[in-house]
PDB file of N, CA and C in Angstrom:
ATOM      1  N   MET A   1     -16.714  84.286  93.273  1.00  0.00           N
ATOM      2  CA  MET A   1     -17.979  83.664  93.109  1.00  0.00           C
ATOM      3  C   MET A   1     -19.018  84.655  92.582  1.00  0.00           C
ATOM      4  N   GLU A   2     -19.739  84.311  91.593  1.00  0.00           N
ATOM      5  CA  GLU A   2     -20.705  85.242  91.048  1.00  0.00           C
ATOM      6  C   GLU A   2     -22.035  85.152  91.825  1.00  0.00           C
ATOM      7  N   THR A   3     -22.583  83.905  91.966  1.00  0.00           N
ATOM      8  CA  THR A   3     -23.935  83.747  92.525  1.00  0.00           C
ATOM      9  C   THR A   3     -23.937  82.582  93.525  1.00  0.00           C
ATOM     10  N   LEU A   4     -24.581  82.789  94.668  1.00  0.00           N
ATOM     11  CA  LEU A   4     -24.814  81.750  95.594  1.00  0.00           C
ATOM     12  C   LEU A   4     -26.302  81.655  95.904  1.00  0.00           C
ATOM     13  N   ARG A   5     -26.883  80.540  95.655  1.00  0.00           N
ATOM     14  CA  ARG A   5     -28.287  80.346  95.968  1.00  0.00           C
ATOM     15  C   ARG A   5     -28.450  79.118  96.904  1.00  0.00           C
ATOM     16  N   ILE A   6     -29.092  79.362  97.995  1.00  0.00           N
ATOM     17  CA  ILE A   6     -29.369  78.228  98.964  1.00  0.00           C
ATOM     18  C   ILE A   6     -30.866  78.247  99.245  1.00  0.00           C
ATOM     19  N   ILE A   7     -31.542  77.134  98.909  1.00  0.00           N
ATOM     20  CA  ILE A   7     -32.954  76.984  99.126  1.00  0.00           C
ATOM     21  C   ILE A   7     -33.124  75.828 100.147  1.00  0.00           C
ATOM     22  N   GLY A   8     -33.505  76.211 101.380  1.00  0.00           N
ATOM     23  CA  GLY A   8     -33.653  75.228 102.415  1.00  0.00           C
ATOM     24  C   GLY A   8     -35.080  74.833 102.627  1.00  0.00           C
ATOM     25  N   ASP A   9     -35.334  73.698 103.143  1.00  0.00           N
ATOM     26  CA  ASP A   9     -36.675  73.140 103.435  1.00  0.00           C
ATOM     27  C   ASP A   9     -36.944  73.160 104.926  1.00  0.00           C
ATOM     28  N   ARG A  10     -36.420  72.221 105.639  1.00  0.00           N
ATOM     29  CA  ARG A  10     -36.617  72.121 107.051  1.00  0.00           C
ATOM     30  C   ARG A  10     -35.295  71.988 107.763  1.00  0.00           C
ATOM     31  N   GLY A  11     -35.304  72.385 109.037  1.00  0.00           N
ATOM     32  CA  GLY A  11     -34.061  72.280 109.801  1.00  0.00           C
ATOM     33  C   GLY A  11     -33.361  73.603 109.917  1.00  0.00           C
ATOM     34  N   SER A  12     -32.184  73.599 110.448  1.00  0.00           N
ATOM     35  CA  SER A  12     -31.430  74.796 110.642  1.00  0.00           C
ATOM     36  C   SER A  12     -30.419  74.955 109.535  1.00  0.00           C
ATOM     37  N   LEU A  13     -30.027  76.223 109.233  1.00  0.00           N
ATOM     38  CA  LEU A  13     -29.102  76.510 108.175  1.00  0.00           C
ATOM     39  C   LEU A  13     -28.103  77.503 108.660  1.00  0.00           C
ATOM     40  N   SER A  14     -26.751  77.224 108.504  1.00  0.00           N
ATOM     41  CA  SER A  14     -25.779  78.090 108.995  1.00  0.00           C
ATOM     42  C   SER A  14     -24.766  78.346 107.842  1.00  0.00           C
ATOM     43  N   VAL A  15     -24.522  79.660 107.539  1.00  0.00           N
ATOM     44  CA  VAL A  15     -23.557  80.016 106.504  1.00  0.00           C
ATOM     45  C   VAL A  15     -22.549  80.999 107.284  1.00  0.00           C
ATOM     46  N   VAL A  16     -21.291  80.662 107.228  1.00  0.00           N
ATOM     47  CA  VAL A  16     -20.290  81.386 107.962  1.00  0.00           C
ATOM     48  C   VAL A  16     -19.254  82.073 107.053  1.00  0.00           C
ATOM     49  N   GLY A  17     -18.938  83.327 107.303  1.00  0.00           N
ATOM     50  CA  GLY A  17     -17.884  84.021 106.505  1.00  0.00           C
ATOM     51  C   GLY A  17     -18.197  84.274 105.079  1.00  0.00           C
ATOM     52  N   LEU A  18     -19.392  84.576 104.718  1.00  0.00           N
ATOM     53  CA  LEU A  18     -19.714  84.721 103.292  1.00  0.00           C
ATOM     54  C   LEU A  18     -18.900  85.807 102.635  1.00  0.00           C
ATOM     55  N   GLY A  19     -18.523  86.764 103.334  1.00  0.00           N
ATOM     56  CA  GLY A  19     -17.724  87.875 102.698  1.00  0.00           C
ATOM     57  C   GLY A  19     -16.400  87.404 102.169  1.00  0.00           C
ATOM     58  N   ASN A  20     -15.845  86.333 102.612  1.00  0.00           N
ATOM     59  CA  ASN A  20     -14.607  85.801 102.078  1.00  0.00           C
ATOM     60  C   ASN A  20     -14.758  85.269 100.662  1.00  0.00           C
ATOM     61  N   ALA A  21     -15.980  84.790 100.345  1.00  0.00           N
ATOM     62  CA  ALA A  21     -16.272  84.314  98.973  1.00  0.00           C
ATOM     63  C   ALA A  21     -16.720  85.500  98.086  1.00  0.00           C
ATOM     64  N   SER A  22     -17.253  86.508  98.654  1.00  0.00           N
ATOM     65  CA  SER A  22     -17.661  87.746  97.999  1.00  0.00           C
ATOM     66  C   SER A  22     -18.547  87.495  96.765  1.00  0.00           C
ATOM     67  N   PRO A  23     -19.662  86.762  96.891  1.00  0.00           N
ATOM     68  CA  PRO A  23     -20.537  86.545  95.754  1.00  0.00           C
ATOM     69  C   PRO A  23     -21.215  87.873  95.329  1.00  0.00           C
ATOM     70  N   ARG A  24     -21.316  88.109  94.086  1.00  0.00           N
ATOM     71  CA  ARG A  24     -21.987  89.311  93.622  1.00  0.00           C
ATOM     72  C   ARG A  24     -23.487  89.270  93.979  1.00  0.00           C
ATOM     73  N   GLU A  25     -24.104  88.083  93.977  1.00  0.00           N
ATOM     74  CA  GLU A  25     -25.470  87.947  94.300  1.00  0.00           C
ATOM     75  C   GLU A  25     -25.655  86.683  95.223  1.00  0.00           C
ATOM     76  N   THR A  26     -26.368  86.932  96.340  1.00  0.00           N
ATOM     77  CA  THR A  26     -26.690  85.778  97.179  1.00  0.00           C
ATOM     78  C   THR A  26     -28.196  85.767  97.441  1.00  0.00           C
ATOM     79  N   VAL A  27     -28.800  84.584  97.251  1.00  0.00           N
ATOM     80  CA  VAL A  27     -30.185  84.406  97.554  1.00  0.00           C
ATOM     81  C   VAL A  27     -30.261  83.222  98.491  1.00  0.00           C
ATOM     82  N   LEU A  28     -30.910  83.477  99.651  1.00  0.00           N
ATOM     83  CA  LEU A  28     -31.046  82.426 100.670  1.00  0.00           C
ATOM     84  C   LEU A  28     -32.505  82.374 101.105  1.00  0.00           C
ATOM     85  N   TYR A  29     -33.134  81.176 100.988  1.00  0.00           N
ATOM     86  CA  TYR A  29     -34.491  81.035 101.377  1.00  0.00           C
ATOM     87  C   TYR A  29     -34.585  79.766 102.300  1.00  0.00           C
ATOM     88  N   GLN A  30     -35.227  79.942 103.412  1.00  0.00           N
ATOM     89  CA  GLN A  30     -35.383  78.824 104.349  1.00  0.00           C
ATOM     90  C   GLN A  30     -36.864  78.680 104.670  1.00  0.00           C
ATOM     91  N   GLN A  31     -37.478  77.551 104.355  1.00  0.00           N
ATOM     92  CA  GLN A  31     -38.915  77.330 104.552  1.00  0.00           C
ATOM     93  C   GLN A  31     -39.251  77.321 106.055  1.00  0.00           C
ATOM     94  N   ILE A  32     -38.626  76.279 106.728  1.00  0.00           N
ATOM     95  CA  ILE A  32     -38.950  76.132 108.187  1.00  0.00           C
ATOM     96  C   ILE A  32     -37.616  75.891 108.913  1.00  0.00           C
ATOM     97  N   GLY A  33     -37.352  76.644 109.953  1.00  0.00           N
ATOM     98  CA  GLY A  33     -36.161  76.438 110.733  1.00  0.00           C
ATOM     99  C   GLY A  33     -35.402  77.709 110.953  1.00  0.00           C
ATOM    100  N   ALA A  34     -34.337  77.625 111.672  1.00  0.00           N
ATOM    101  CA  ALA A  34     -33.496  78.766 111.995  1.00  0.00           C
ATOM    102  C   ALA A  34     -32.391  78.976 110.964  1.00  0.00           C
ATOM    103  N   VAL A  35     -32.059  80.269 110.774  1.00  0.00           N
ATOM    104  CA  VAL A  35     -31.030  80.652 109.821  1.00  0.00           C
ATOM    105  C   VAL A  35     -29.942  81.420 110.581  1.00  0.00           C
ATOM    106  N   ASP A  36     -28.701  81.081 110.396  1.00  0.00           N
ATOM    107  CA  ASP A  36     -27.593  81.886 110.984  1.00  0.00           C
ATOM    108  C   ASP A  36     -26.691  82.269 109.785  1.00  0.00           C
ATOM    109  N   LEU A  37     -26.848  83.506 109.298  1.00  0.00           N
ATOM    110  CA  LEU A  37     -26.090  83.942 108.121  1.00  0.00           C
ATOM    111  C   LEU A  37     -25.091  84.974 108.632  1.00  0.00           C
ATOM    112  N   ASP A  38     -23.827  84.610 108.423  1.00  0.00           N
ATOM    113  CA  ASP A  38     -22.681  85.464 108.814  1.00  0.00           C
ATOM    114  C   ASP A  38     -22.108  86.076 107.544  1.00  0.00           C
ATOM    115  N   LEU A  39     -22.404  87.366 107.419  1.00  0.00           N
ATOM    116  CA  LEU A  39     -21.894  88.123 106.236  1.00  0.00           C
ATOM    117  C   LEU A  39     -20.501  88.764 106.421  1.00  0.00           C
ATOM    118  N   ARG A  40     -19.908  88.450 107.553  1.00  0.00           N
ATOM    119  CA  ARG A  40     -18.592  88.957 107.818  1.00  0.00           C
ATOM    120  C   ARG A  40     -17.514  88.356 106.907  1.00  0.00           C
ATOM    121  N   GLY A  41     -16.385  89.025 106.735  1.00  0.00           N
ATOM    122  CA  GLY A  41     -15.361  88.522 105.886  1.00  0.00           C
ATOM    123  C   GLY A  41     -14.859  89.705 105.022  1.00  0.00           C
ATOM    124  N   ALA A  42     -13.930  89.387 104.173  1.00  0.00           N
ATOM    125  CA  ALA A  42     -13.220  90.389 103.353  1.00  0.00           C
ATOM    126  C   ALA A  42     -13.951  90.619 102.012  1.00  0.00           C
ATOM    127  N   TRP A  43     -15.064  91.379 102.014  1.00  0.00           N
ATOM    128  CA  TRP A  43     -15.757  91.665 100.777  1.00  0.00           C
ATOM    129  C   TRP A  43     -14.863  92.451  99.838  1.00  0.00           C
ATOM    130  N   VAL A  44     -14.802  92.028  98.589  1.00  0.00           N
ATOM    131  CA  VAL A  44     -13.934  92.688  97.649  1.00  0.00           C
ATOM    132  C   VAL A  44     -14.737  93.396  96.480  1.00  0.00           C
ATOM    133  N   ARG A  45     -16.108  93.381  96.565  1.00  0.00           N
ATOM    134  CA  ARG A  45     -16.926  94.007  95.573  1.00  0.00           C
ATOM    135  C   ARG A  45     -18.314  94.250  96.168  1.00  0.00           C
ATOM    136  N   ASP A  46     -19.038  95.110  95.485  1.00  0.00           N
ATOM    137  CA  ASP A  46     -20.467  95.334  95.813  1.00  0.00           C
ATOM    138  C   ASP A  46     -21.241  94.057  95.580  1.00  0.00           C
ATOM    139  N   ALA A  47     -22.302  93.910  96.418  1.00  0.00           N
ATOM    140  CA  ALA A  47     -23.102  92.695  96.314  1.00  0.00           C
ATOM    141  C   ALA A  47     -24.569  92.935  96.717  1.00  0.00           C
ATOM    142  N   GLU A  48     -25.443  92.079  96.223  1.00  0.00           N
ATOM    143  CA  GLU A  48     -26.832  92.005  96.634  1.00  0.00           C
ATOM    144  C   GLU A  48     -27.101  90.788  97.415  1.00  0.00           C
ATOM    145  N   VAL A  49     -27.702  90.893  98.603  1.00  0.00           N
ATOM    146  CA  VAL A  49     -28.007  89.766  99.441  1.00  0.00           C
ATOM    147  C   VAL A  49     -29.468  89.721  99.752  1.00  0.00           C
ATOM    148  N   GLN A  50     -30.167  88.638  99.315  1.00  0.00           N
ATOM    149  CA  GLN A  50     -31.572  88.526  99.547  1.00  0.00           C
ATOM    150  C   GLN A  50     -31.781  87.350 100.521  1.00  0.00           C
ATOM    151  N   VAL A  51     -32.435  87.627 101.623  1.00  0.00           N
ATOM    152  CA  VAL A  51     -32.713  86.563 102.655  1.00  0.00           C
ATOM    153  C   VAL A  51     -34.206  86.530 102.889  1.00  0.00           C
ATOM    154  N   SER A  52     -34.763  85.308 102.840  1.00  0.00           N
ATOM    155  CA  SER A  52     -36.193  85.201 103.050  1.00  0.00           C
ATOM    156  C   SER A  52     -36.508  83.957 103.843  1.00  0.00           C
ATOM    157  N   GLY A  53     -37.510  84.051 104.687  1.00  0.00           N
ATOM    158  CA  GLY A  53     -37.849  82.906 105.519  1.00  0.00           C
ATOM    159  C   GLY A  53     -39.365  82.718 105.536  1.00  0.00           C
ATOM    160  N   GLY A  54     -39.825  81.440 105.406  1.00  0.00           N
ATOM    161  CA  GLY A  54     -41.201  81.169 105.488  1.00  0.00           C
ATOM    162  C   GLY A  54     -41.609  81.131 106.998  1.00  0.00           C
ATOM    163  N   ALA A  55     -41.492  80.001 107.641  1.00  0.00           N
ATOM    164  CA  ALA A  55     -41.650  79.888 109.067  1.00  0.00           C
ATOM    165  C   ALA A  55     -40.243  79.829 109.658  1.00  0.00           C
ATOM    166  N   ALA A  56     -39.389  80.801 109.305  1.00  0.00           N
ATOM    167  CA  ALA A  56     -38.029  80.782 109.711  1.00  0.00           C
ATOM    168  C   ALA A  56     -37.639  82.117 110.219  1.00  0.00           C
ATOM    169  N   GLY A  57     -36.650  82.162 111.075  1.00  0.00           N
ATOM    170  CA  GLY A  57     -36.035  83.402 111.531  1.00  0.00           C
ATOM    171  C   GLY A  57     -34.648  83.067 111.867  1.00  0.00           C
ATOM    172  N   GLY A  58     -33.928  84.010 112.472  1.00  0.00           N
ATOM    173  CA  GLY A  58     -32.532  83.716 112.878  1.00  0.00           C
ATOM    174  C   GLY A  58     -31.711  84.933 113.042  1.00  0.00           C
ATOM    175  N   SER A  59     -30.436  84.825 112.833  1.00  0.00           N
ATOM    176  CA  SER A  59     -29.491  85.918 112.995  1.00  0.00           C
ATOM    177  C   SER A  59     -28.749  86.250 111.716  1.00  0.00           C
ATOM    178  N   LEU A  60     -28.582  87.524 111.468  1.00  0.00           N
ATOM    179  CA  LEU A  60     -27.829  88.048 110.352  1.00  0.00           C
ATOM    180  C   LEU A  60     -26.638  88.781 110.931  1.00  0.00           C
ATOM    181  N   TRP A  61     -25.449  88.338 110.711  1.00  0.00           N
ATOM    182  CA  TRP A  61     -24.239  88.965 111.263  1.00  0.00           C
ATOM    183  C   TRP A  61     -23.711  89.864 110.213  1.00  0.00           C
ATOM    184  N   LEU A  62     -23.582  91.172 110.444  1.00  0.00           N
ATOM    185  CA  LEU A  62     -23.182  92.154 109.501  1.00  0.00           C
ATOM    186  C   LEU A  62     -21.664  92.384 109.613  1.00  0.00           C
ATOM    187  N   PRO A  63     -21.060  92.565 108.414  1.00  0.00           N
ATOM    188  CA  PRO A  63     -19.586  92.846 108.401  1.00  0.00           C
ATOM    189  C   PRO A  63     -19.346  94.319 108.884  1.00  0.00           C
ATOM    190  N   ASP A  64     -18.113  94.583 109.323  1.00  0.00           N
ATOM    191  CA  ASP A  64     -17.797  95.922 109.719  1.00  0.00           C
ATOM    192  C   ASP A  64     -16.938  96.644 108.729  1.00  0.00           C
ATOM    193  N   ASN A  65     -16.617  96.026 107.636  1.00  0.00           N
ATOM    194  CA  ASN A  65     -15.696  96.657 106.640  1.00  0.00           C
ATOM    195  C   ASN A  65     -16.413  97.080 105.339  1.00  0.00           C
ATOM    196  N   VAL A  66     -17.780  97.120 105.405  1.00  0.00           N
ATOM    197  CA  VAL A  66     -18.544  97.556 104.215  1.00  0.00           C
ATOM    198  C   VAL A  66     -19.664  98.497 104.631  1.00  0.00           C
ATOM    199  N   THR A  67     -20.339  99.061 103.609  1.00  0.00           N
ATOM    200  CA  THR A  67     -21.528  99.842 103.823  1.00  0.00           C
ATOM    201  C   THR A  67     -22.694  98.911 103.578  1.00  0.00           C
ATOM    202  N   VAL A  68     -23.647  98.789 104.504  1.00  0.00           N
ATOM    203  CA  VAL A  68     -24.808  97.898 104.356  1.00  0.00           C
ATOM    204  C   VAL A  68     -26.016  98.863 104.204  1.00  0.00           C
ATOM    205  N   THR A  69     -26.781  98.666 103.075  1.00  0.00           N
ATOM    206  CA  THR A  69     -27.991  99.425 102.882  1.00  0.00           C
ATOM    207  C   THR A  69     -29.169  98.464 102.749  1.00  0.00           C
ATOM    208  N   GLY A  70     -30.423  98.977 102.792  1.00  0.00           N
ATOM    209  CA  GLY A  70     -31.582  98.208 102.536  1.00  0.00           C
ATOM    210  C   GLY A  70     -32.124  97.566 103.808  1.00  0.00           C
ATOM    211  N   LEU A  71     -31.817  98.096 104.971  1.00  0.00           N
ATOM    212  CA  LEU A  71     -32.303  97.470 106.183  1.00  0.00           C
ATOM    213  C   LEU A  71     -33.677  98.027 106.595  1.00  0.00           C
ATOM    214  N   ASP A  72     -34.513  98.316 105.609  1.00  0.00           N
ATOM    215  CA  ASP A  72     -35.863  98.805 105.794  1.00  0.00           C
ATOM    216  C   ASP A  72     -35.735 100.093 106.732  1.00  0.00           C
ATOM    217  N   ASP A  73     -36.498 100.053 107.795  1.00  0.00           N
ATOM    218  CA  ASP A  73     -36.495 101.204 108.692  1.00  0.00           C
ATOM    219  C   ASP A  73     -35.465 101.067 109.796  1.00  0.00           C
ATOM    220  N   ARG A  74     -34.679 100.010 109.718  1.00  0.00           N
ATOM    221  CA  ARG A  74     -33.702  99.799 110.806  1.00  0.00           C
ATOM    222  C   ARG A  74     -32.588 100.809 110.735  1.00  0.00           C
ATOM    223  N   ARG A  75     -31.791 100.867 109.709  1.00  0.00           N
ATOM    224  CA  ARG A  75     -30.839 101.900 109.464  1.00  0.00           C
ATOM    225  C   ARG A  75     -29.729 101.444 108.503  1.00  0.00           C
ATOM    226  N   ALA A  76     -29.053 102.391 107.925  1.00  0.00           N
ATOM    227  CA  ALA A  76     -27.902 102.019 107.086  1.00  0.00           C
ATOM    228  C   ALA A  76     -26.689 101.976 107.962  1.00  0.00           C
ATOM    229  N   ILE A  77     -25.814 100.975 107.708  1.00  0.00           N
ATOM    230  CA  ILE A  77     -24.595 100.844 108.528  1.00  0.00           C
ATOM    231  C   ILE A  77     -23.484 101.201 107.561  1.00  0.00           C
ATOM    232  N   ARG A  78     -22.644 102.164 107.908  1.00  0.00           N
ATOM    233  CA  ARG A  78     -21.556 102.616 107.095  1.00  0.00           C
ATOM    234  C   ARG A  78     -20.198 102.224 107.676  1.00  0.00           C
ATOM    235  N   ALA A  79     -19.368 101.765 106.808  1.00  0.00           N
ATOM    236  CA  ALA A  79     -18.009 101.454 107.218  1.00  0.00           C
ATOM    237  C   ALA A  79     -17.243 102.758 107.534  1.00  0.00           C
ATOM    238  N   GLU A  80     -16.290 102.626 108.408  1.00  0.00           N
ATOM    239  CA  GLU A  80     -15.489 103.814 108.741  1.00  0.00           C
ATOM    240  C   GLU A  80     -14.637 104.132 107.488  1.00  0.00           C
ATOM    241  N   GLU A  81     -14.504 105.442 107.238  1.00  0.00           N
ATOM    242  CA  GLU A  81     -13.698 105.908 106.094  1.00  0.00           C
ATOM    243  C   GLU A  81     -12.233 105.589 106.322  1.00  0.00           C
ATOM    244  N   ASP A  82     -11.633 104.976 105.315  1.00  0.00           N
ATOM    245  CA  ASP A  82     -10.178 104.738 105.297  1.00  0.00           C
ATOM    246  C   ASP A  82      -9.727 104.873 103.839  1.00  0.00           C
ATOM    247  N   PRO A  83      -9.024 105.961 103.524  1.00  0.00           N
ATOM    248  CA  PRO A  83      -8.745 106.259 102.088  1.00  0.00           C
ATOM    249  C   PRO A  83      -7.806 105.179 101.462  1.00  0.00           C
ATOM    250  N   GLU A  84      -7.137 104.395 102.338  1.00  0.00           N
ATOM    251  CA  GLU A  84      -6.233 103.355 101.819  1.00  0.00           C
ATOM    252  C   GLU A  84      -6.973 102.114 101.407  1.00  0.00           C
ATOM    253  N   LEU A  85      -8.173 101.922 101.872  1.00  0.00           N
ATOM    254  CA  LEU A  85      -8.822 100.653 101.644  1.00  0.00           C
ATOM    255  C   LEU A  85     -10.148 100.885 100.848  1.00  0.00           C
ATOM    256  N   PRO A  86     -10.344 100.173  99.720  1.00  0.00           N
ATOM    257  CA  PRO A  86     -11.582 100.271  99.046  1.00  0.00           C
ATOM    258  C   PRO A  86     -12.735  99.703  99.873  1.00  0.00           C
ATOM    259  N   ARG A  87     -13.932 100.257  99.760  1.00  0.00           N
ATOM    260  CA  ARG A  87     -15.068  99.869 100.536  1.00  0.00           C
ATOM    261  C   ARG A  87     -16.173  99.344  99.605  1.00  0.00           C
ATOM    262  N   SER A  88     -16.690  98.198  99.954  1.00  0.00           N
ATOM    263  CA  SER A  88     -17.772  97.587  99.162  1.00  0.00           C
ATOM    264  C   SER A  88     -19.102  97.991  99.832  1.00  0.00           C
ATOM    265  N   THR A  89     -20.181  97.863  99.056  1.00  0.00           N
ATOM    266  CA  THR A  89     -21.530  98.133  99.539  1.00  0.00           C
ATOM    267  C   THR A  89     -22.392  96.840  99.379  1.00  0.00           C
ATOM    268  N   LEU A  90     -23.065  96.410 100.456  1.00  0.00           N
ATOM    269  CA  LEU A  90     -23.955  95.293 100.426  1.00  0.00           C
ATOM    270  C   LEU A  90     -25.432  95.898 100.374  1.00  0.00           C
ATOM    271  N   GLN A  91     -26.197  95.489  99.381  1.00  0.00           N
ATOM    272  CA  GLN A  91     -27.552  95.823  99.336  1.00  0.00           C
ATOM    273  C   GLN A  91     -28.336  94.654  99.899  1.00  0.00           C
ATOM    274  N   LEU A  92     -28.845  94.819 101.068  1.00  0.00           N
ATOM    275  CA  LEU A  92     -29.459  93.721 101.846  1.00  0.00           C
ATOM    276  C   LEU A  92     -30.985  93.761 101.782  1.00  0.00           C
ATOM    277  N   SER A  93     -31.635  92.704 101.424  1.00  0.00           N
ATOM    278  CA  SER A  93     -33.100  92.594 101.365  1.00  0.00           C
ATOM    279  C   SER A  93     -33.551  91.380 102.279  1.00  0.00           C
ATOM    280  N   VAL A  94     -34.329  91.758 103.292  1.00  0.00           N
ATOM    281  CA  VAL A  94     -34.745  90.704 104.204  1.00  0.00           C
ATOM    282  C   VAL A  94     -36.286  90.614 104.199  1.00  0.00           C
ATOM    283  N   THR A  95     -36.813  89.393 103.907  1.00  0.00           N
ATOM    284  CA  THR A  95     -38.237  89.170 103.936  1.00  0.00           C
ATOM    285  C   THR A  95     -38.590  88.177 105.049  1.00  0.00           C
ATOM    286  N   GLU A  96     -39.450  88.563 105.895  1.00  0.00           N
ATOM    287  CA  GLU A  96     -39.840  87.687 107.026  1.00  0.00           C
ATOM    288  C   GLU A  96     -41.332  87.392 106.904  1.00  0.00           C
ATOM    289  N   HIS A  97     -41.727  86.094 106.979  1.00  0.00           N
ATOM    290  CA  HIS A  97     -43.096  85.769 106.982  1.00  0.00           C
ATOM    291  C   HIS A  97     -43.618  85.410 108.398  1.00  0.00           C
ATOM    292  N   LEU A  98     -43.233  84.212 108.854  1.00  0.00           N
ATOM    293  CA  LEU A  98     -43.535  83.805 110.254  1.00  0.00           C
ATOM    294  C   LEU A  98     -42.238  83.596 110.938  1.00  0.00           C
ATOM    295  N   GLY A  99     -41.709  84.565 111.550  1.00  0.00           N
ATOM    296  CA  GLY A  99     -40.360  84.523 112.153  1.00  0.00           C
ATOM    297  C   GLY A  99     -39.708  85.859 112.072  1.00  0.00           C
ATOM    298  N   ARG A 100     -38.575  85.997 112.699  1.00  0.00           N
ATOM    299  CA  ARG A 100     -37.919  87.320 112.705  1.00  0.00           C
ATOM    300  C   ARG A 100     -36.393  87.109 112.596  1.00  0.00           C
ATOM    301  N   PHE A 101     -35.815  87.889 111.684  1.00  0.00           N
ATOM    302  CA  PHE A 101     -34.341  87.884 111.627  1.00  0.00           C
ATOM    303  C   PHE A 101     -33.795  88.991 112.485  1.00  0.00           C
ATOM    304  N   ILE A 102     -32.862  88.644 113.341  1.00  0.00           N
ATOM    305  CA  ILE A 102     -32.237  89.619 114.204  1.00  0.00           C
ATOM    306  C   ILE A 102     -30.963  90.088 113.547  1.00  0.00           C
ATOM    307  N   ILE A 103     -30.727  91.409 113.427  1.00  0.00           N
ATOM    308  CA  ILE A 103     -29.562  91.949 112.867  1.00  0.00           C
ATOM    309  C   ILE A 103     -28.484  92.069 113.971  1.00  0.00           C
ATOM    310  N   MET A 104     -27.338  91.369 113.769  1.00  0.00           N
ATOM    311  CA  MET A 104     -26.283  91.420 114.712  1.00  0.00           C
ATOM    312  C   MET A 104     -25.182  92.256 114.157  1.00  0.00           C
ATOM    313  N   GLU A 105     -24.428  92.959 114.989  1.00  0.00           N
ATOM    314  CA  GLU A 105     -23.305  93.771 114.567  1.00  0.00           C
ATOM    315  C   GLU A 105     -22.058  93.309 115.229  1.00  0.00           C
TER     316      GLU A 105
END
């Protein structure tokens, strides 16, 4: 999958196992309501993930098999080195307006 765009209005939004689809670009916007975004799965390439909420917040589940960058002042999460397995990098951009996204590991 090249691009995944989800634009939500009201209500809750849940995306599970996004890494299994490995989109090169993901844009997720939720106007009002909770977001549960599960980035776990078998990422096979580098990707950009943009998450934005108006009056929304929720949980972002990070994969353990990739390097995740762009967590503002939170921290970069690096996958454990394994020379047998290629490692992807996720560039994560999170914008919060009225609400807070909790980073889960």
